[in-house]
Amino acid sequence: MNTPNDIPVYVPQKSVRFIDQLRGFIRYRNLSYQTEKTYVHWAVNFIRFNKMAHPQTLS
């Protein structure tokens, strides 16, 4: 049975948002949705830790 937390989030085909690109890459690699949620969680925490700076701007 699917719960609301098990339903993958819609990802636009060509998004400029980093998190959407990360989700698209994870889905391209056919990784599980639980893995996607974990990777996105850590990426969001990392971005927040760096004061919302985009990963491309970090050195």
C-alpha atoms as a PDB file:
ATOM      1  CA  MET A   1       0.000   0.000   0.000  1.00  0.00           C
ATOM      2  CA  ASN A   2       1.359   3.425  -0.932  1.00  0.00           C
ATOM      3  CA  THR A   3       1.397   6.146   1.665  1.00  0.00           C
ATOM      4  CA  PRO A   4       1.781   9.837   0.769  1.00  0.00           C
ATOM      5  CA  ASN A   5       5.501   9.574   1.650  1.00  0.00           C
ATOM      6  CA  ASP A   6       6.015   6.761  -0.876  1.00  0.00           C
ATOM      7  CA  ILE A   7       4.726   8.655  -3.904  1.00  0.00           C
ATOM      8  CA  PRO A   8       7.610  10.228  -5.862  1.00  0.00           C
ATOM      9  CA  VAL A   9       7.530  13.984  -6.328  1.00  0.00           C
ATOM     10  CA  TYR A  10       6.951  15.270  -9.863  1.00  0.00           C
ATOM     11  CA  VAL A  11      10.177  16.518 -11.461  1.00  0.00           C
ATOM     12  CA  PRO A  12      10.013  18.805 -14.522  1.00  0.00           C
ATOM     13  CA  GLN A  13      11.972  17.593 -17.531  1.00  0.00           C
ATOM     14  CA  LYS A  14      14.309  20.616 -17.771  1.00  0.00           C
ATOM     15  CA  SER A  15      14.454  22.350 -14.431  1.00  0.00           C
ATOM     16  CA  VAL A  16      17.107  24.821 -13.306  1.00  0.00           C
ATOM     17  CA  ARG A  17      16.638  23.998  -9.625  1.00  0.00           C
ATOM     18  CA  PHE A  18      19.498  21.942  -8.214  1.00  0.00           C
ATOM     19  CA  ILE A  19      17.227  19.643  -6.191  1.00  0.00           C
ATOM     20  CA  ASP A  20      15.121  18.856  -9.283  1.00  0.00           C
ATOM     21  CA  GLN A  21      18.293  18.085 -11.242  1.00  0.00           C
ATOM     22  CA  LEU A  22      19.486  15.841  -8.405  1.00  0.00           C
ATOM     23  CA  ARG A  23      16.140  14.000  -8.367  1.00  0.00           C
ATOM     24  CA  GLY A  24      16.264  13.602 -12.153  1.00  0.00           C
ATOM     25  CA  PHE A  25      19.778  12.169 -12.015  1.00  0.00           C
ATOM     26  CA  ILE A  26      18.827   9.724  -9.250  1.00  0.00           C
ATOM     27  CA  ARG A  27      15.811   8.586 -11.262  1.00  0.00           C
ATOM     28  CA  TYR A  28      17.945   8.285 -14.398  1.00  0.00           C
ATOM     29  CA  ARG A  29      20.198   5.908 -12.433  1.00  0.00           C
ATOM     30  CA  ASN A  30      17.101   3.912 -11.391  1.00  0.00           C
ATOM     31  CA  LEU A  31      17.872   4.194  -7.684  1.00  0.00           C
ATOM     32  CA  SER A  32      15.123   3.540  -5.165  1.00  0.00           C
ATOM     33  CA  TYR A  33      12.799   6.291  -3.983  1.00  0.00           C
ATOM     34  CA  GLN A  34      14.073   5.828  -0.422  1.00  0.00           C
ATOM     35  CA  THR A  35      17.610   6.515  -1.675  1.00  0.00           C
ATOM     36  CA  GLU A  36      16.334   9.607  -3.503  1.00  0.00           C
ATOM     37  CA  LYS A  37      14.704  10.933  -0.337  1.00  0.00           C
ATOM     38  CA  THR A  38      17.898  10.344   1.657  1.00  0.00           C
ATOM     39  CA  TYR A  39      20.178  12.031  -0.900  1.00  0.00           C
ATOM     40  CA  VAL A  40      17.844  15.015  -1.262  1.00  0.00           C
ATOM     41  CA  HIS A  41      17.623  15.341   2.515  1.00  0.00           C
ATOM     42  CA  TRP A  42      21.417  15.482   2.876  1.00  0.00           C
ATOM     43  CA  ALA A  43      21.783  17.877  -0.065  1.00  0.00           C
ATOM     44  CA  VAL A  44      19.191  20.256   1.402  1.00  0.00           C
ATOM     45  CA  ASN A  45      20.910  20.133   4.792  1.00  0.00           C
ATOM     46  CA  PHE A  46      24.269  20.872   3.130  1.00  0.00           C
ATOM     47  CA  ILE A  47      22.822  23.844   1.230  1.00  0.00           C
ATOM     48  CA  ARG A  48      21.211  25.219   4.393  1.00  0.00           C
ATOM     49  CA  PHE A  49      24.471  24.771   6.321  1.00  0.00           C
ATOM     50  CA  ASN A  50      26.195  26.877   3.656  1.00  0.00           C
ATOM     51  CA  LYS A  51      23.607  29.665   4.020  1.00  0.00           C
ATOM     52  CA  MET A  52      21.560  28.701   0.941  1.00  0.00           C
ATOM     53  CA  ALA A  53      24.485  29.132  -1.451  1.00  0.00           C
ATOM     54  CA  HIS A  54      24.146  27.196  -4.697  1.00  0.00           C
ATOM     55  CA  PRO A  55      26.592  24.235  -4.817  1.00  0.00           C
ATOM     56  CA  GLN A  56      28.215  25.616  -7.987  1.00  0.00           C
ATOM     57  CA  THR A  57      29.242  28.764  -6.115  1.00  0.00           C
ATOM     58  CA  LEU A  58      30.959  26.906  -3.267  1.00  0.00           C
ATOM     59  CA  SER A  59      34.691  26.432  -3.336  1.00  0.00           C
END
